Amino acid sequence: MDTTFSTISTIIKTRRSTKPLAMNGNKIPNGHIAAILELADWAPTHGYTEPWRFIVYENPIEFCRQHAELYKQNSLGDNFEPSTYNKLLNQGNAASHIIIAVMKRGNLPKIPAFEEIAATSCAIQNLLLGAAALNIASFWSTGGMALKPALKEFLQFGEDDVVMGILYLGYADEFAEGKRTIPLEEKISWVK
């Protein structure tokens, strides 16, 4: 097989999620972050709506403080959990950068929101694969306030926009082994 296919295949098969607290605190050059964001920008897009938007935090601790406070402000009475607050506050301590990924709904009503979400997901996957190629650890989180309207409002996005997740990026000393639990043959039907 072609060496390009082999390289891409290896990157796809070895990309893994690394929890932010398993990162080692070393800083990623901003040029590497810019390069993987450029890869994200080449995701497929119907009608050239290019719905992906990224907010990059060079100081993860600042975002984590805002995230924890947003959780506190939106947790009423008995719903507030100090352990959740502390987790959100400290989750990025060893990360280098945090990127908030958002689907910004386009102005072409004929394109379903699902397609905009799918395009943004492809952009995120491009970013994660680019990070893996640079030996950057990543974690795509939808926890905390990520899927709550309060975060979208805090970031000043509209009602039809969707926060797709919080991406923690950093370096790690170890990467998990990959595995699949369902055989590929059970996931594919060939029609002749």
C-alpha atoms as a PDB file:
ATOM      1  CA  MET A   1       0.000   0.000   0.000  1.00  0.00           C
ATOM      2  CA  ASP A   2       0.907   3.601  -0.489  1.00  0.00           C
ATOM      3  CA  THR A   3       2.975   5.218   2.314  1.00  0.00           C
ATOM      4  CA  THR A   4       0.527   8.125   2.594  1.00  0.00           C
ATOM      5  CA  PHE A   5      -2.328   5.711   3.282  1.00  0.00           C
ATOM      6  CA  SER A   6      -0.161   3.846   5.769  1.00  0.00           C
ATOM      7  CA  THR A   7       0.691   7.078   7.620  1.00  0.00           C
ATOM      8  CA  ILE A   8      -2.920   8.254   7.749  1.00  0.00           C
ATOM      9  CA  SER A   9      -4.070   4.779   8.810  1.00  0.00           C
ATOM     10  CA  THR A  10      -1.557   4.733  11.684  1.00  0.00           C
ATOM     11  CA  ILE A  11      -2.627   8.185  12.897  1.00  0.00           C
ATOM     12  CA  ILE A  12      -6.313   7.242  12.825  1.00  0.00           C
ATOM     13  CA  LYS A  13      -5.733   3.918  14.597  1.00  0.00           C
ATOM     14  CA  THR A  14      -3.453   5.344  17.300  1.00  0.00           C
ATOM     15  CA  ARG A  15      -5.362   8.522  18.179  1.00  0.00           C
ATOM     16  CA  ARG A  16      -6.664   8.175  21.723  1.00  0.00           C
ATOM     17  CA  SER A  17      -8.420  10.278  24.322  1.00  0.00           C
ATOM     18  CA  THR A  18      -6.156  11.311  27.178  1.00  0.00           C
ATOM     19  CA  LYS A  19      -7.827  12.694  30.294  1.00  0.00           C
ATOM     20  CA  PRO A  20      -6.657  16.260  30.993  1.00  0.00           C
ATOM     21  CA  LEU A  21      -5.216  15.368  34.394  1.00  0.00           C
ATOM     22  CA  ALA A  22      -3.000  12.753  32.677  1.00  0.00           C
ATOM     23  CA  MET A  23      -1.329  15.494  30.616  1.00  0.00           C
ATOM     24  CA  ASN A  24       2.078  16.648  31.792  1.00  0.00           C
ATOM     25  CA  GLY A  25       1.755  20.456  31.763  1.00  0.00           C
ATOM     26  CA  ASN A  26       4.236  21.120  28.944  1.00  0.00           C
ATOM     27  CA  LYS A  27       3.190  23.892  26.562  1.00  0.00           C
ATOM     28  CA  ILE A  28       2.288  23.295  22.923  1.00  0.00           C
ATOM     29  CA  PRO A  29       3.674  25.936  20.546  1.00  0.00           C
ATOM     30  CA  ASN A  30       0.850  28.183  19.314  1.00  0.00           C
ATOM     31  CA  GLY A  31       2.031  27.433  15.767  1.00  0.00           C
ATOM     32  CA  HIS A  32       1.071  23.777  16.279  1.00  0.00           C
ATOM     33  CA  ILE A  33      -2.372  24.824  17.536  1.00  0.00           C
ATOM     34  CA  ALA A  34      -2.794  27.080  14.486  1.00  0.00           C
ATOM     35  CA  ALA A  35      -1.747  24.217  12.188  1.00  0.00           C
ATOM     36  CA  ILE A  36      -4.316  21.782  13.579  1.00  0.00           C
ATOM     37  CA  LEU A  37      -7.007  24.479  13.425  1.00  0.00           C
ATOM     38  CA  GLU A  38      -6.162  24.873   9.739  1.00  0.00           C
ATOM     39  CA  LEU A  39      -6.769  21.134   9.294  1.00  0.00           C
ATOM     40  CA  ALA A  40     -10.119  21.544  11.051  1.00  0.00           C
ATOM     41  CA  ASP A  41     -11.037  24.202   8.509  1.00  0.00           C
ATOM     42  CA  TRP A  42     -10.809  21.630   5.699  1.00  0.00           C
ATOM     43  CA  ALA A  43     -13.738  19.543   6.948  1.00  0.00           C
ATOM     44  CA  PRO A  44     -16.531  18.742   4.487  1.00  0.00           C
ATOM     45  CA  THR A  45     -19.278  21.349   4.418  1.00  0.00           C
ATOM     46  CA  HIS A  46     -22.606  21.372   2.575  1.00  0.00           C
ATOM     47  CA  GLY A  47     -23.297  24.664   0.846  1.00  0.00           C
ATOM     48  CA  TYR A  48     -19.953  26.059   2.064  1.00  0.00           C
ATOM     49  CA  THR A  49     -21.553  27.091   5.342  1.00  0.00           C
ATOM     50  CA  GLU A  50     -18.355  26.166   7.254  1.00  0.00           C
ATOM     51  CA  PRO A  51     -20.268  26.105  10.561  1.00  0.00           C
ATOM     52  CA  TRP A  52     -17.335  25.327  12.883  1.00  0.00           C
ATOM     53  CA  ARG A  53     -16.076  27.984  15.278  1.00  0.00           C
ATOM     54  CA  PHE A  54     -13.251  27.574  17.770  1.00  0.00           C
ATOM     55  CA  ILE A  55     -12.397  29.618  20.845  1.00  0.00           C
ATOM     56  CA  VAL A  56      -8.813  28.973  21.916  1.00  0.00           C
ATOM     57  CA  TYR A  57      -7.723  29.461  25.506  1.00  0.00           C
ATOM     58  CA  GLU A  58      -3.942  29.671  25.792  1.00  0.00           C
ATOM     59  CA  ASN A  59      -4.381  29.726  29.567  1.00  0.00           C
ATOM     60  CA  PRO A  60      -6.569  26.723  30.463  1.00  0.00           C
ATOM     61  CA  ILE A  61      -6.686  27.732  34.131  1.00  0.00           C
ATOM     62  CA  GLU A  62      -8.580  30.906  33.200  1.00  0.00           C
ATOM     63  CA  PHE A  63     -11.219  28.967  31.272  1.00  0.00           C
ATOM     64  CA  CYS A  64     -11.516  26.386  34.071  1.00  0.00           C
ATOM     65  CA  ARG A  65     -12.132  29.162  36.593  1.00  0.00           C
ATOM     66  CA  GLN A  66     -14.872  30.607  34.355  1.00  0.00           C
ATOM     67  CA  HIS A  67     -16.325  27.140  33.749  1.00  0.00           C
ATOM     68  CA  ALA A  68     -16.480  26.340  37.476  1.00  0.00           C
ATOM     69  CA  GLU A  69     -18.060  29.712  38.280  1.00  0.00           C
ATOM     70  CA  LEU A  70     -20.634  29.236  35.518  1.00  0.00           C
ATOM     71  CA  TYR A  71     -21.498  25.866  37.058  1.00  0.00           C
ATOM     72  CA  LYS A  72     -21.825  27.482  40.493  1.00  0.00           C
ATOM     73  CA  GLN A  73     -24.057  30.291  39.195  1.00  0.00           C
ATOM     74  CA  ASN A  74     -26.347  27.813  37.442  1.00  0.00           C
ATOM     75  CA  SER A  75     -26.614  25.229  40.213  1.00  0.00           C
ATOM     76  CA  LEU A  76     -29.586  26.003  42.378  1.00  0.00           C
ATOM     77  CA  GLY A  77     -29.605  25.026  46.038  1.00  0.00           C
ATOM     78  CA  ASP A  78     -29.108  21.309  46.533  1.00  0.00           C
ATOM     79  CA  ASN A  79     -27.989  20.853  42.907  1.00  0.00           C
ATOM     80  CA  PHE A  80     -24.593  22.400  43.670  1.00  0.00           C
ATOM     81  CA  GLU A  81     -21.885  19.789  44.225  1.00  0.00           C
ATOM     82  CA  PRO A  82     -18.589  21.131  45.628  1.00  0.00           C
ATOM     83  CA  SER A  83     -16.769  18.112  44.138  1.00  0.00           C
ATOM     84  CA  THR A  84     -18.052  18.989  40.637  1.00  0.00           C
ATOM     85  CA  TYR A  85     -17.035  22.615  41.144  1.00  0.00           C
ATOM     86  CA  ASN A  86     -13.513  21.568  42.188  1.00  0.00           C
ATOM     87  CA  LYS A  87     -13.223  19.127  39.287  1.00  0.00           C
ATOM     88  CA  LEU A  88     -14.178  21.812  36.764  1.00  0.00           C
ATOM     89  CA  LEU A  89     -11.862  24.313  38.463  1.00  0.00           C
ATOM     90  CA  ASN A  90      -8.830  22.012  38.267  1.00  0.00           C
ATOM     91  CA  GLN A  91      -9.528  19.901  35.185  1.00  0.00           C
ATOM     92  CA  GLY A  92      -7.200  21.892  32.922  1.00  0.00           C
ATOM     93  CA  ASN A  93      -4.298  22.284  35.337  1.00  0.00           C
ATOM     94  CA  ALA A  94      -2.008  20.047  33.263  1.00  0.00           C
ATOM     95  CA  ALA A  95      -3.416  20.945  29.822  1.00  0.00           C
ATOM     96  CA  SER A  96      -1.612  23.327  27.485  1.00  0.00           C
ATOM     97  CA  HIS A  97      -4.621  24.751  25.613  1.00  0.00           C
ATOM     98  CA  ILE A  98      -8.384  24.444  25.737  1.00  0.00           C
ATOM     99  CA  ILE A  99     -10.495  24.881  22.627  1.00  0.00           C
ATOM    100  CA  ILE A 100     -14.252  25.331  22.750  1.00  0.00           C
ATOM    101  CA  ALA A 101     -15.804  23.878  19.575  1.00  0.00           C
ATOM    102  CA  VAL A 102     -19.097  25.382  18.441  1.00  0.00           C
ATOM    103  CA  MET A 103     -21.450  24.736  15.543  1.00  0.00           C
ATOM    104  CA  LYS A 104     -22.500  28.184  14.326  1.00  0.00           C
ATOM    105  CA  ARG A 105     -25.763  27.665  12.441  1.00  0.00           C
ATOM    106  CA  GLY A 106     -25.561  28.929   8.883  1.00  0.00           C
ATOM    107  CA  ASN A 107     -28.151  31.095   7.167  1.00  0.00           C
ATOM    108  CA  LEU A 108     -29.195  28.513   4.566  1.00  0.00           C
ATOM    109  CA  PRO A 109     -32.427  27.045   5.998  1.00  0.00           C
ATOM    110  CA  LYS A 110     -32.472  24.277   3.366  1.00  0.00           C
ATOM    111  CA  ILE A 111     -29.437  22.729   5.091  1.00  0.00           C
ATOM    112  CA  PRO A 112     -30.601  20.760   8.135  1.00  0.00           C
ATOM    113  CA  ALA A 113     -28.976  21.483  11.488  1.00  0.00           C
ATOM    114  CA  PHE A 114     -27.889  17.834  11.562  1.00  0.00           C
ATOM    115  CA  GLU A 115     -25.599  18.461   8.579  1.00  0.00           C
ATOM    116  CA  GLU A 116     -24.048  21.467  10.307  1.00  0.00           C
ATOM    117  CA  ILE A 117     -23.443  19.349  13.423  1.00  0.00           C
ATOM    118  CA  ALA A 118     -21.920  16.584  11.290  1.00  0.00           C
ATOM    119  CA  ALA A 119     -19.638  19.064   9.501  1.00  0.00           C
ATOM    120  CA  THR A 120     -18.467  20.518  12.815  1.00  0.00           C
ATOM    121  CA  SER A 121     -17.848  17.007  14.139  1.00  0.00           C
ATOM    122  CA  CYS A 122     -15.693  16.337  11.069  1.00  0.00           C
ATOM    123  CA  ALA A 123     -13.760  19.547  11.751  1.00  0.00           C
ATOM    124  CA  ILE A 124     -13.171  18.411  15.335  1.00  0.00           C
ATOM    125  CA  GLN A 125     -11.986  14.992  14.131  1.00  0.00           C
ATOM    126  CA  ASN A 126      -9.571  16.678  11.687  1.00  0.00           C
ATOM    127  CA  LEU A 127      -8.223  18.726  14.609  1.00  0.00           C
ATOM    128  CA  LEU A 128      -7.835  15.636  16.819  1.00  0.00           C
ATOM    129  CA  LEU A 129      -6.080  13.662  14.078  1.00  0.00           C
ATOM    130  CA  GLY A 130      -3.729  16.574  13.425  1.00  0.00           C
ATOM    131  CA  ALA A 131      -2.987  16.729  17.141  1.00  0.00           C
ATOM    132  CA  ALA A 132      -2.229  12.992  17.188  1.00  0.00           C
ATOM    133  CA  ALA A 133       0.155  13.416  14.243  1.00  0.00           C
ATOM    134  CA  LEU A 134       2.053  15.993  16.346  1.00  0.00           C
ATOM    135  CA  ASN A 135       2.060  13.714  19.432  1.00  0.00           C
ATOM    136  CA  ILE A 136      -0.372  16.061  21.172  1.00  0.00           C
ATOM    137  CA  ALA A 137      -2.741  14.407  23.624  1.00  0.00           C
ATOM    138  CA  SER A 138      -6.406  15.384  23.410  1.00  0.00           C
ATOM    139  CA  PHE A 139      -9.683  14.941  25.210  1.00  0.00           C
ATOM    140  CA  TRP A 140     -13.099  15.905  23.787  1.00  0.00           C
ATOM    141  CA  SER A 141     -15.367  16.628  26.750  1.00  0.00           C
ATOM    142  CA  THR A 142     -19.085  17.278  26.816  1.00  0.00           C
ATOM    143  CA  GLY A 143     -19.193  17.338  30.608  1.00  0.00           C
ATOM    144  CA  GLY A 144     -19.749  20.154  33.055  1.00  0.00           C
ATOM    145  CA  MET A 145     -21.527  23.065  31.402  1.00  0.00           C
ATOM    146  CA  ALA A 146     -20.511  22.113  27.847  1.00  0.00           C
ATOM    147  CA  LEU A 147     -24.016  21.191  26.683  1.00  0.00           C
ATOM    148  CA  LYS A 148     -25.896  23.656  28.882  1.00  0.00           C
ATOM    149  CA  PRO A 149     -27.407  26.843  27.418  1.00  0.00           C
ATOM    150  CA  ALA A 150     -25.513  28.930  29.987  1.00  0.00           C
ATOM    151  CA  LEU A 151     -22.130  28.204  28.364  1.00  0.00           C
ATOM    152  CA  LYS A 152     -23.453  29.074  24.913  1.00  0.00           C
ATOM    153  CA  GLU A 153     -24.824  32.353  26.296  1.00  0.00           C
ATOM    154  CA  PHE A 154     -21.552  33.054  28.136  1.00  0.00           C
ATOM    155  CA  LEU A 155     -19.698  32.602  24.828  1.00  0.00           C
ATOM    156  CA  GLN A 156     -22.266  34.855  23.094  1.00  0.00           C
ATOM    157  CA  PHE A 157     -23.580  32.348  20.595  1.00  0.00           C
ATOM    158  CA  GLY A 158     -27.160  32.239  19.315  1.00  0.00           C
ATOM    159  CA  GLU A 159     -30.089  29.994  20.114  1.00  0.00           C
ATOM    160  CA  ASP A 160     -29.563  27.781  17.038  1.00  0.00           C
ATOM    161  CA  ASP A 161     -25.820  27.375  17.642  1.00  0.00           C
ATOM    162  CA  VAL A 162     -24.505  24.304  19.486  1.00  0.00           C
ATOM    163  CA  VAL A 163     -21.483  23.968  21.753  1.00  0.00           C
ATOM    164  CA  MET A 164     -20.008  20.683  20.534  1.00  0.00           C
ATOM    165  CA  GLY A 165     -17.522  20.261  23.342  1.00  0.00           C
ATOM    166  CA  ILE A 166     -14.484  21.376  25.235  1.00  0.00           C
ATOM    167  CA  LEU A 167     -11.225  20.118  23.746  1.00  0.00           C
ATOM    168  CA  TYR A 168      -8.331  19.755  26.178  1.00  0.00           C
ATOM    169  CA  LEU A 169      -4.925  19.621  24.464  1.00  0.00           C
ATOM    170  CA  GLY A 170      -1.520  18.960  25.952  1.00  0.00           C
ATOM    171  CA  TYR A 171       1.393  16.611  26.015  1.00  0.00           C
ATOM    172  CA  ALA A 172       1.349  13.300  27.848  1.00  0.00           C
ATOM    173  CA  ASP A 173       4.021  10.861  28.879  1.00  0.00           C
ATOM    174  CA  GLU A 174       1.846   7.826  28.112  1.00  0.00           C
ATOM    175  CA  PHE A 175      -0.953   7.035  25.681  1.00  0.00           C
ATOM    176  CA  ALA A 176      -3.622   4.390  26.149  1.00  0.00           C
ATOM    177  CA  GLU A 177      -3.813   1.350  23.908  1.00  0.00           C
ATOM    178  CA  GLY A 178      -6.746   1.261  21.535  1.00  0.00           C
ATOM    179  CA  LYS A 179      -9.293  -1.490  21.264  1.00  0.00           C
ATOM    180  CA  ARG A 180     -12.601  -2.269  19.655  1.00  0.00           C
ATOM    181  CA  THR A 181     -15.162  -4.458  21.406  1.00  0.00           C
ATOM    182  CA  ILE A 182     -17.470  -5.267  18.483  1.00  0.00           C
ATOM    183  CA  PRO A 183     -15.935  -7.119  15.519  1.00  0.00           C
ATOM    184  CA  LEU A 184     -15.889  -5.058  12.321  1.00  0.00           C
ATOM    185  CA  GLU A 185     -17.833  -7.778  10.500  1.00  0.00           C
ATOM    186  CA  GLU A 186     -20.812  -7.126  12.804  1.00  0.00           C
ATOM    187  CA  LYS A 187     -20.863  -3.443  11.820  1.00  0.00           C
ATOM    188  CA  ILE A 188     -20.791  -3.848   8.050  1.00  0.00           C
ATOM    189  CA  SER A 189     -23.297  -5.271   5.582  1.00  0.00           C
ATOM    190  CA  TRP A 190     -22.090  -5.754   2.020  1.00  0.00           C
ATOM    191  CA  VAL A 191     -24.838  -5.533  -0.615  1.00  0.00           C
ATOM    192  CA  LYS A 192     -24.133  -6.993  -4.056  1.00  0.00           C
END
